[in-house]
Every structure is written in structure tokens, then in C-alpha cells.
Amino acid sequence: PSTYVPARNIIFLAHALSWAEVLGA
């Protein structure tokens, strides 16, 4: 559907991964 945001979860997960590294998570 048109409510799909292109590559959104890739972008969100990349940020989560970056923060996890900083946190030691």
C-alpha cells in the first residue's frame, strides 16, 4: 500500500544499532 515508507525499518534499525553500540547493548 501507499502507506509504505520507503526503507523506513532499515533506517530505524540502523539508528537503533548505532545507539546500542554506544550503550553497550
PDB file of all heavy atoms in Angstrom:
ATOM      1  N   PRO A   1       0.808  -1.222   0.000  1.00  0.00           N
ATOM      2  CA  PRO A   1       0.000   0.000   0.000  1.00  0.00           C
ATOM      3  C   PRO A   1       0.844   1.275   0.000  1.00  0.00           C
ATOM      4  O   PRO A   1       2.040   1.252   0.273  1.00  0.00           O
ATOM      5  CB  PRO A   1      -0.800  -0.125   1.298  1.00  0.00           C
ATOM      6  CG  PRO A   1       0.050  -0.967   2.185  1.00  0.00           C
ATOM      7  CD  PRO A   1       0.733  -1.947   1.281  1.00  0.00           C
ATOM      8  N   SER A   2       0.173   2.380  -0.294  1.00  0.00           N
ATOM      9  CA  SER A   2       0.856   3.673  -0.385  1.00  0.00           C
ATOM     10  C   SER A   2       1.327   4.169   0.972  1.00  0.00           C
ATOM     11  O   SER A   2       2.086   5.136   1.051  1.00  0.00           O
ATOM     12  CB  SER A   2      -0.069   4.715  -1.020  1.00  0.00           C
ATOM     13  OG  SER A   2      -1.244   4.888  -0.230  1.00  0.00           O
ATOM     14  N   THR A   3       0.903   3.517   2.069  1.00  0.00           N
ATOM     15  CA  THR A   3       1.369   3.909   3.402  1.00  0.00           C
ATOM     16  C   THR A   3       2.754   3.331   3.717  1.00  0.00           C
ATOM     17  O   THR A   3       3.321   3.649   4.769  1.00  0.00           O
ATOM     18  CB  THR A   3       0.372   3.445   4.480  1.00  0.00           C
ATOM     19  OG1 THR A   3       0.054   2.069   4.268  1.00  0.00           O
ATOM     20  CG2 THR A   3      -0.910   4.274   4.421  1.00  0.00           C
ATOM     21  N   TYR A   4       3.286   2.506   2.839  1.00  0.00           N
ATOM     22  CA  TYR A   4       4.657   2.032   2.988  1.00  0.00           C
ATOM     23  C   TYR A   4       5.606   3.231   2.883  1.00  0.00           C
ATOM     24  O   TYR A   4       5.530   4.014   1.938  1.00  0.00           O
ATOM     25  CB  TYR A   4       4.985   1.006   1.895  1.00  0.00           C
ATOM     26  CG  TYR A   4       6.450   0.739   1.701  1.00  0.00           C
ATOM     27  CD1 TYR A   4       7.190   0.048   2.664  1.00  0.00           C
ATOM     28  CD2 TYR A   4       7.107   1.182   0.548  1.00  0.00           C
ATOM     29  CE1 TYR A   4       8.542  -0.195   2.483  1.00  0.00           C
ATOM     30  CE2 TYR A   4       8.455   0.936   0.363  1.00  0.00           C
ATOM     31  CZ  TYR A   4       9.170   0.248   1.333  1.00  0.00           C
ATOM     32  OH  TYR A   4      10.513   0.010   1.151  1.00  0.00           O
ATOM     33  N   VAL A   5       6.492   3.384   3.876  1.00  0.00           N
ATOM     34  CA  VAL A   5       7.502   4.442   3.866  1.00  0.00           C
ATOM     35  C   VAL A   5       8.809   3.812   3.388  1.00  0.00           C
ATOM     36  O   VAL A   5       9.345   2.919   4.055  1.00  0.00           O
ATOM     37  CB  VAL A   5       7.689   5.061   5.260  1.00  0.00           C
ATOM     38  CG1 VAL A   5       8.757   6.156   5.217  1.00  0.00           C
ATOM     39  CG2 VAL A   5       6.369   5.629   5.779  1.00  0.00           C
ATOM     40  N   PRO A   6       9.331   4.232   2.232  1.00  0.00           N
ATOM     41  CA  PRO A   6      10.491   3.574   1.642  1.00  0.00           C
ATOM     42  C   PRO A   6      11.663   3.389   2.613  1.00  0.00           C
ATOM     43  O   PRO A   6      12.178   4.359   3.174  1.00  0.00           O
ATOM     44  CB  PRO A   6      10.869   4.502   0.486  1.00  0.00           C
ATOM     45  CG  PRO A   6       9.567   5.112   0.071  1.00  0.00           C
ATOM     46  CD  PRO A   6       8.824   5.316   1.352  1.00  0.00           C
ATOM     47  N   ALA A   7      12.019   2.123   2.822  1.00  0.00           N
ATOM     48  CA  ALA A   7      13.192   1.720   3.616  1.00  0.00           C
ATOM     49  C   ALA A   7      13.135   2.168   5.075  1.00  0.00           C
ATOM     50  O   ALA A   7      14.159   2.203   5.743  1.00  0.00           O
ATOM     51  CB  ALA A   7      14.480   2.228   2.969  1.00  0.00           C
ATOM     52  N   ARG A   8      11.951   2.456   5.594  1.00  0.00           N
ATOM     53  CA  ARG A   8      11.847   3.008   6.950  1.00  0.00           C
ATOM     54  C   ARG A   8      12.468   2.107   8.010  1.00  0.00           C
ATOM     55  O   ARG A   8      13.236   2.585   8.859  1.00  0.00           O
ATOM     56  CB  ARG A   8      10.376   3.286   7.301  1.00  0.00           C
ATOM     57  CG  ARG A   8      10.180   3.860   8.699  1.00  0.00           C
ATOM     58  CD  ARG A   8       8.732   4.241   8.969  1.00  0.00           C
ATOM     59  NE  ARG A   8       7.839   3.099   8.840  1.00  0.00           N
ATOM     60  CZ  ARG A   8       6.518   3.174   9.041  1.00  0.00           C
ATOM     61  NH1 ARG A   8       5.952   4.343   9.348  1.00  0.00           N
ATOM     62  NH2 ARG A   8       5.754   2.110   8.915  1.00  0.00           N
ATOM     63  N   ASN A   9      12.152   0.830   7.989  1.00  0.00           N
ATOM     64  CA  ASN A   9      12.688  -0.040   9.035  1.00  0.00           C
ATOM     65  C   ASN A   9      14.196  -0.236   8.914  1.00  0.00           C
ATOM     66  O   ASN A   9      14.880  -0.458   9.919  1.00  0.00           O
ATOM     67  CB  ASN A   9      11.969  -1.396   9.033  1.00  0.00           C
ATOM     68  CG  ASN A   9      10.629  -1.322   9.738  1.00  0.00           C
ATOM     69  OD1 ASN A   9      10.352  -0.382  10.480  1.00  0.00           O
ATOM     70  ND2 ASN A   9       9.779  -2.313   9.510  1.00  0.00           N
ATOM     71  N   ILE A  10      14.713  -0.175   7.694  1.00  0.00           N
ATOM     72  CA  ILE A  10      16.168  -0.223   7.526  1.00  0.00           C
ATOM     73  C   ILE A  10      16.804   0.982   8.211  1.00  0.00           C
ATOM     74  O   ILE A  10      17.791   0.855   8.950  1.00  0.00           O
ATOM     75  CB  ILE A  10      16.544  -0.243   6.036  1.00  0.00           C
ATOM     76  CG1 ILE A  10      15.980  -1.493   5.359  1.00  0.00           C
ATOM     77  CG2 ILE A  10      18.050  -0.168   5.855  1.00  0.00           C
ATOM     78  CD1 ILE A  10      16.164  -1.510   3.850  1.00  0.00           C
ATOM     79  N   ILE A  11      16.226   2.136   7.990  1.00  0.00           N
ATOM     80  CA  ILE A  11      16.753   3.376   8.571  1.00  0.00           C
ATOM     81  C   ILE A  11      16.619   3.360  10.095  1.00  0.00           C
ATOM     82  O   ILE A  11      17.565   3.684  10.826  1.00  0.00           O
ATOM     83  CB  ILE A  11      16.018   4.589   7.960  1.00  0.00           C
ATOM     84  CG1 ILE A  11      16.348   4.701   6.472  1.00  0.00           C
ATOM     85  CG2 ILE A  11      16.378   5.874   8.697  1.00  0.00           C
ATOM     86  CD1 ILE A  11      15.439   5.637   5.704  1.00  0.00           C
ATOM     87  N   PHE A  12      15.457   2.966  10.583  1.00  0.00           N
ATOM     88  CA  PHE A  12      15.227   2.943  12.029  1.00  0.00           C
ATOM     89  C   PHE A  12      16.153   1.942  12.722  1.00  0.00           C
ATOM     90  O   PHE A  12      16.729   2.228  13.774  1.00  0.00           O
ATOM     91  CB  PHE A  12      13.769   2.599  12.331  1.00  0.00           C
ATOM     92  CG  PHE A  12      12.781   3.695  12.014  1.00  0.00           C
ATOM     93  CD1 PHE A  12      13.191   4.894  11.454  1.00  0.00           C
ATOM     94  CD2 PHE A  12      11.425   3.524  12.269  1.00  0.00           C
ATOM     95  CE1 PHE A  12      12.273   5.903  11.160  1.00  0.00           C
ATOM     96  CE2 PHE A  12      10.515   4.519  11.993  1.00  0.00           C
ATOM     97  CZ  PHE A  12      10.933   5.712  11.428  1.00  0.00           C
ATOM     98  N   LEU A  13      16.286   0.762  12.140  1.00  0.00           N
ATOM     99  CA  LEU A  13      17.130  -0.260  12.746  1.00  0.00           C
ATOM    100  C   LEU A  13      18.598   0.143  12.736  1.00  0.00           C
ATOM    101  O   LEU A  13      19.341  -0.175  13.675  1.00  0.00           O
ATOM    102  CB  LEU A  13      16.946  -1.590  12.023  1.00  0.00           C
ATOM    103  CG  LEU A  13      15.755  -2.438  12.469  1.00  0.00           C
ATOM    104  CD1 LEU A  13      15.563  -3.616  11.520  1.00  0.00           C
ATOM    105  CD2 LEU A  13      15.948  -2.938  13.901  1.00  0.00           C
ATOM    106  N   ALA A  14      19.019   0.844  11.694  1.00  0.00           N
ATOM    107  CA  ALA A  14      20.405   1.308  11.646  1.00  0.00           C
ATOM    108  C   ALA A  14      20.688   2.274  12.798  1.00  0.00           C
ATOM    109  O   ALA A  14      21.750   2.210  13.437  1.00  0.00           O
ATOM    110  CB  ALA A  14      20.690   1.977  10.298  1.00  0.00           C
ATOM    111  N   HIS A  15      19.754   3.152  13.080  1.00  0.00           N
ATOM    112  CA  HIS A  15      19.916   4.075  14.204  1.00  0.00           C
ATOM    113  C   HIS A  15      19.896   3.321  15.536  1.00  0.00           C
ATOM    114  O   HIS A  15      20.671   3.629  16.447  1.00  0.00           O
ATOM    115  CB  HIS A  15      18.812   5.130  14.185  1.00  0.00           C
ATOM    116  CG  HIS A  15      19.008   6.194  13.153  1.00  0.00           C
ATOM    117  ND1 HIS A  15      18.737   5.988  11.821  1.00  0.00           N
ATOM    118  CD2 HIS A  15      19.471   7.474  13.246  1.00  0.00           C
ATOM    119  CE1 HIS A  15      19.001   7.096  11.145  1.00  0.00           C
ATOM    120  NE2 HIS A  15      19.450   8.013  11.979  1.00  0.00           N
ATOM    121  N   ALA A  16      18.990   2.353  15.647  1.00  0.00           N
ATOM    122  CA  ALA A  16      18.923   1.560  16.880  1.00  0.00           C
ATOM    123  C   ALA A  16      20.223   0.804  17.101  1.00  0.00           C
ATOM    124  O   ALA A  16      20.726   0.713  18.233  1.00  0.00           O
ATOM    125  CB  ALA A  16      17.753   0.576  16.801  1.00  0.00           C
ATOM    126  N   LEU A  17      20.790   0.272  16.041  1.00  0.00           N
ATOM    127  CA  LEU A  17      22.047  -0.462  16.126  1.00  0.00           C
ATOM    128  C   LEU A  17      23.185   0.458  16.565  1.00  0.00           C
ATOM    129  O   LEU A  17      24.015   0.090  17.407  1.00  0.00           O
ATOM    130  CB  LEU A  17      22.352  -1.085  14.763  1.00  0.00           C
ATOM    131  CG  LEU A  17      23.596  -1.940  14.640  1.00  0.00           C
ATOM    132  CD1 LEU A  17      23.557  -3.113  15.603  1.00  0.00           C
ATOM    133  CD2 LEU A  17      23.727  -2.440  13.198  1.00  0.00           C
ATOM    134  N   SER A  18      23.209   1.655  16.018  1.00  0.00           N
ATOM    135  CA  SER A  18      24.233   2.627  16.397  1.00  0.00           C
ATOM    136  C   SER A  18      24.150   2.973  17.881  1.00  0.00           C
ATOM    137  O   SER A  18      25.166   2.999  18.592  1.00  0.00           O
ATOM    138  CB  SER A  18      24.070   3.904  15.549  1.00  0.00           C
ATOM    139  OG  SER A  18      25.006   4.886  15.919  1.00  0.00           O
ATOM    140  N   TRP A  19      22.929   3.218  18.355  1.00  0.00           N
ATOM    141  CA  TRP A  19      22.762   3.570  19.770  1.00  0.00           C
ATOM    142  C   TRP A  19      23.101   2.385  20.668  1.00  0.00           C
ATOM    143  O   TRP A  19      23.710   2.546  21.720  1.00  0.00           O
ATOM    144  CB  TRP A  19      21.333   4.045  20.016  1.00  0.00           C
ATOM    145  CG  TRP A  19      21.146   4.773  21.317  1.00  0.00           C
ATOM    146  CD1 TRP A  19      22.101   5.441  22.041  1.00  0.00           C
ATOM    147  CD2 TRP A  19      19.926   4.917  22.050  1.00  0.00           C
ATOM    148  NE1 TRP A  19      21.560   5.995  23.171  1.00  0.00           N
ATOM    149  CE2 TRP A  19      20.221   5.695  23.202  1.00  0.00           C
ATOM    150  CE3 TRP A  19      18.619   4.498  21.843  1.00  0.00           C
ATOM    151  CZ2 TRP A  19      19.243   6.031  24.145  1.00  0.00           C
ATOM    152  CZ3 TRP A  19      17.648   4.838  22.760  1.00  0.00           C
ATOM    153  CH2 TRP A  19      17.964   5.592  23.909  1.00  0.00           C
ATOM    154  N   ALA A  20      22.717   1.195  20.226  1.00  0.00           N
ATOM    155  CA  ALA A  20      23.028   0.001  21.015  1.00  0.00           C
ATOM    156  C   ALA A  20      24.536  -0.151  21.199  1.00  0.00           C
ATOM    157  O   ALA A  20      25.009  -0.504  22.293  1.00  0.00           O
ATOM    158  CB  ALA A  20      22.453  -1.237  20.333  1.00  0.00           C
ATOM    159  N   GLU A  21      25.310   0.131  20.159  1.00  0.00           N
ATOM    160  CA  GLU A  21      26.768   0.040  20.275  1.00  0.00           C
ATOM    161  C   GLU A  21      27.293   1.021  21.324  1.00  0.00           C
ATOM    162  O   GLU A  21      28.167   0.689  22.124  1.00  0.00           O
ATOM    163  CB  GLU A  21      27.425   0.307  18.934  1.00  0.00           C
ATOM    164  CG  GLU A  21      27.412  -0.867  17.984  1.00  0.00           C
ATOM    165  CD  GLU A  21      28.653  -0.908  17.121  1.00  0.00           C
ATOM    166  OE1 GLU A  21      28.706  -0.122  16.149  1.00  0.00           O
ATOM    167  OE2 GLU A  21      29.562  -1.704  17.416  1.00  0.00           O
ATOM    168  N   VAL A  22      26.758   2.219  21.312  1.00  0.00           N
ATOM    169  CA  VAL A  22      27.190   3.235  22.271  1.00  0.00           C
ATOM    170  C   VAL A  22      26.825   2.823  23.699  1.00  0.00           C
ATOM    171  O   VAL A  22      27.606   3.008  24.643  1.00  0.00           O
ATOM    172  CB  VAL A  22      26.570   4.603  21.934  1.00  0.00           C
ATOM    173  CG1 VAL A  22      26.851   5.619  23.033  1.00  0.00           C
ATOM    174  CG2 VAL A  22      27.097   5.101  20.592  1.00  0.00           C
ATOM    175  N   LEU A  23      25.645   2.233  23.854  1.00  0.00           N
ATOM    176  CA  LEU A  23      25.166   1.819  25.172  1.00  0.00           C
ATOM    177  C   LEU A  23      25.832   0.541  25.669  1.00  0.00           C
ATOM    178  O   LEU A  23      25.752   0.216  26.855  1.00  0.00           O
ATOM    179  CB  LEU A  23      23.655   1.596  25.139  1.00  0.00           C
ATOM    180  CG  LEU A  23      22.769   2.813  24.897  1.00  0.00           C
ATOM    181  CD1 LEU A  23      21.324   2.375  24.655  1.00  0.00           C
ATOM    182  CD2 LEU A  23      22.844   3.779  26.067  1.00  0.00           C
ATOM    183  N   GLY A  24      26.451  -0.177  24.765  1.00  0.00           N
ATOM    184  CA  GLY A  24      26.974  -1.486  25.128  1.00  0.00           C
ATOM    185  C   GLY A  24      25.881  -2.534  25.202  1.00  0.00           C
ATOM    186  O   GLY A  24      26.022  -3.552  25.885  1.00  0.00           O
ATOM    187  N   ALA A  25      24.783  -2.281  24.488  1.00  0.00           N
ATOM    188  CA  ALA A  25      23.662  -3.226  24.451  1.00  0.00           C
ATOM    189  C   ALA A  25      23.806  -4.136  23.241  1.00  0.00           C
ATOM    190  O   ALA A  25      24.265  -3.700  22.179  1.00  0.00           O
ATOM    191  CB  ALA A  25      22.342  -2.471  24.374  1.00  0.00           C
TER     192      ALA A  25
END
